[in-house]
């Protein structure tokens, strides 16, 4: 096994590195979708604060 610590050239980027980085990217997106679902509604049964205007003087 070859030590490749500190090398950043694209020549050293092997097929295994490409597959590993793609798998890690897929895991990252999957975790992001699980933590932040897009199908839920943000409006609804949340507590709402309604500002009331001051009593009008006639």
N, C-alpha and C. Protein backbone atom coordinates (compact mmCIF):
# COMPACT_ATOMS: atom_id res chain seq x y z
N UNK A 1 0.85 -1.17 0.00
CA UNK A 1 0.00 0.00 0.00
C UNK A 1 0.89 1.24 0.00
N UNK A 2 0.53 2.22 -0.79
CA UNK A 2 1.34 3.42 -0.95
C UNK A 2 0.83 4.52 -0.04
N UNK A 3 1.75 5.21 0.60
CA UNK A 3 1.36 6.38 1.40
C UNK A 3 1.13 7.55 0.46
N UNK A 4 0.00 8.19 0.60
CA UNK A 4 -0.29 9.34 -0.26
C UNK A 4 -0.74 10.53 0.57
N UNK A 5 -0.12 10.73 1.70
CA UNK A 5 -0.49 11.85 2.56
C UNK A 5 0.17 13.11 2.03
N UNK A 6 -0.62 14.15 1.86
CA UNK A 6 -0.07 15.42 1.42
C UNK A 6 -0.03 15.61 -0.08
N UNK A 7 -0.49 14.66 -0.85
CA UNK A 7 -0.49 14.84 -2.31
C UNK A 7 -1.87 15.32 -2.74
N UNK A 8 -1.87 16.34 -3.56
CA UNK A 8 -3.15 16.91 -3.99
C UNK A 8 -3.27 16.98 -5.50
N UNK A 9 -2.35 16.39 -6.24
CA UNK A 9 -2.45 16.45 -7.69
C UNK A 9 -3.52 15.49 -8.20
N UNK A 10 -4.07 15.79 -9.34
CA UNK A 10 -5.13 14.94 -9.91
C UNK A 10 -4.58 13.62 -10.43
N UNK A 11 -3.28 13.55 -10.67
CA UNK A 11 -2.68 12.29 -11.11
C UNK A 11 -2.81 11.22 -10.02
N UNK A 12 -2.79 11.64 -8.77
CA UNK A 12 -2.87 10.70 -7.66
C UNK A 12 -4.30 10.32 -7.31
N UNK A 13 -5.26 10.91 -7.98
CA UNK A 13 -6.67 10.65 -7.70
C UNK A 13 -7.07 9.36 -8.40
N UNK A 14 -7.16 8.27 -7.66
CA UNK A 14 -7.43 6.96 -8.23
C UNK A 14 -8.93 6.70 -8.34
N UNK A 15 -9.28 5.63 -9.01
CA UNK A 15 -10.68 5.25 -9.16
C UNK A 15 -11.32 4.99 -7.80
N UNK A 16 -10.58 4.39 -6.89
CA UNK A 16 -11.10 4.12 -5.55
C UNK A 16 -11.42 5.42 -4.82
N UNK A 17 -10.58 6.44 -5.01
CA UNK A 17 -10.84 7.74 -4.40
C UNK A 17 -12.10 8.37 -4.98
N UNK A 18 -12.28 8.23 -6.28
CA UNK A 18 -13.46 8.79 -6.93
C UNK A 18 -14.73 8.11 -6.43
N UNK A 19 -14.71 6.81 -6.31
CA UNK A 19 -15.88 6.06 -5.82
C UNK A 19 -16.16 6.42 -4.37
N UNK A 20 -15.11 6.53 -3.56
CA UNK A 20 -15.29 6.86 -2.15
C UNK A 20 -15.85 8.27 -1.98
N UNK A 21 -15.37 9.22 -2.75
CA UNK A 21 -15.88 10.58 -2.62
C UNK A 21 -17.33 10.67 -3.12
N UNK A 22 -17.66 9.91 -4.15
CA UNK A 22 -19.05 9.88 -4.61
C UNK A 22 -19.98 9.26 -3.58
N UNK A 23 -19.53 8.20 -2.92
CA UNK A 23 -20.34 7.57 -1.89
C UNK A 23 -20.53 8.49 -0.69
N UNK A 24 -19.48 9.19 -0.31
CA UNK A 24 -19.60 10.13 0.81
C UNK A 24 -20.52 11.30 0.47
N UNK A 25 -20.50 11.74 -0.77
CA UNK A 25 -21.40 12.81 -1.19
C UNK A 25 -22.84 12.33 -1.16
N UNK A 26 -23.09 11.11 -1.59
CA UNK A 26 -24.45 10.56 -1.55
C UNK A 26 -24.94 10.43 -0.11
N UNK A 27 -24.07 10.02 0.78
CA UNK A 27 -24.45 9.92 2.20
C UNK A 27 -24.76 11.30 2.77
N UNK A 28 -23.96 12.29 2.40
CA UNK A 28 -24.19 13.65 2.88
C UNK A 28 -25.55 14.18 2.43
N UNK A 29 -25.89 13.99 1.16
CA UNK A 29 -27.19 14.44 0.67
C UNK A 29 -28.34 13.68 1.31
N UNK A 30 -28.16 12.38 1.54
CA UNK A 30 -29.21 11.59 2.18
C UNK A 30 -29.46 12.07 3.60
N UNK A 31 -28.40 12.32 4.33
CA UNK A 31 -28.55 12.81 5.71
C UNK A 31 -29.19 14.19 5.71
N UNK A 32 -28.82 15.04 4.77
CA UNK A 32 -29.42 16.37 4.70
C UNK A 32 -30.90 16.29 4.41
N UNK A 33 -31.31 15.38 3.53
CA UNK A 33 -32.73 15.23 3.23
C UNK A 33 -33.50 14.66 4.42
N UNK A 34 -32.87 13.79 5.19
CA UNK A 34 -33.53 13.24 6.37
C UNK A 34 -33.67 14.29 7.47
N UNK A 35 -32.67 15.14 7.61
CA UNK A 35 -32.73 16.17 8.66
C UNK A 35 -33.63 17.33 8.27
N UNK A 36 -33.69 17.66 7.00
CA UNK A 36 -34.47 18.80 6.53
C UNK A 36 -35.43 18.35 5.44
N UNK A 37 -36.54 17.73 5.81
CA UNK A 37 -37.48 17.26 4.79
C UNK A 37 -38.15 18.44 4.08
N UNK A 38 -38.38 18.31 2.79
CA UNK A 38 -38.93 19.41 2.01
C UNK A 38 -40.45 19.32 1.87
N UNK A 39 -41.04 18.18 2.17
CA UNK A 39 -42.47 18.01 1.95
C UNK A 39 -43.35 18.51 3.08
N UNK A 40 -42.78 18.91 4.19
CA UNK A 40 -43.59 19.35 5.32
C UNK A 40 -43.99 20.80 5.15
N UNK A 41 -45.14 21.12 5.66
CA UNK A 41 -45.62 22.50 5.61
C UNK A 41 -45.10 23.24 6.83
N UNK A 42 -44.61 24.44 6.61
CA UNK A 42 -44.12 25.22 7.74
C UNK A 42 -45.23 26.03 8.37
N UNK A 43 -46.31 26.27 7.64
CA UNK A 43 -47.45 26.98 8.22
C UNK A 43 -48.38 25.95 8.87
N UNK A 44 -49.20 26.43 9.74
CA UNK A 44 -50.16 25.49 10.28
C UNK A 44 -50.41 25.69 11.75
N UNK A 45 -50.14 24.68 12.53
CA UNK A 45 -50.53 24.68 13.92
C UNK A 45 -49.48 25.30 14.84
N UNK A 46 -48.62 26.10 14.31
CA UNK A 46 -47.61 26.76 15.14
C UNK A 46 -48.25 27.92 15.89
N UNK A 47 -47.67 28.27 17.01
CA UNK A 47 -48.17 29.40 17.79
C UNK A 47 -47.98 30.68 17.00
N UNK A 48 -48.99 31.52 17.00
CA UNK A 48 -48.93 32.77 16.27
C UNK A 48 -49.11 33.93 17.23
N UNK A 49 -48.38 34.99 16.97
CA UNK A 49 -48.48 36.20 17.78
C UNK A 49 -49.16 37.25 16.92
N UNK A 50 -50.24 37.80 17.43
CA UNK A 50 -50.99 38.82 16.68
C UNK A 50 -50.83 40.15 17.40
N UNK A 51 -50.30 41.12 16.70
CA UNK A 51 -50.11 42.44 17.29
C UNK A 51 -51.45 43.18 17.29
N UNK A 52 -51.79 43.76 18.42
CA UNK A 52 -53.03 44.52 18.52
C UNK A 52 -52.69 46.01 18.53
N UNK A 53 -53.48 46.75 17.79
CA UNK A 53 -53.24 48.20 17.76
C UNK A 53 -53.81 48.83 19.02
N UNK A 54 -53.31 49.99 19.34
CA UNK A 54 -53.78 50.73 20.51
C UNK A 54 -55.22 51.14 20.33
N UNK A 55 -55.96 51.27 21.43
CA UNK A 55 -57.38 51.65 21.36
C UNK A 55 -57.50 53.03 20.75
N UNK A 56 -58.42 53.16 19.81
CA UNK A 56 -58.58 54.46 19.14
C UNK A 56 -59.37 55.39 20.04
N UNK A 57 -58.96 56.64 20.06
CA UNK A 57 -59.69 57.65 20.87
C UNK A 57 -60.64 58.41 19.97
N UNK A 58 -61.90 58.50 20.37
CA UNK A 58 -62.90 59.21 19.55
C UNK A 58 -63.19 60.52 20.15
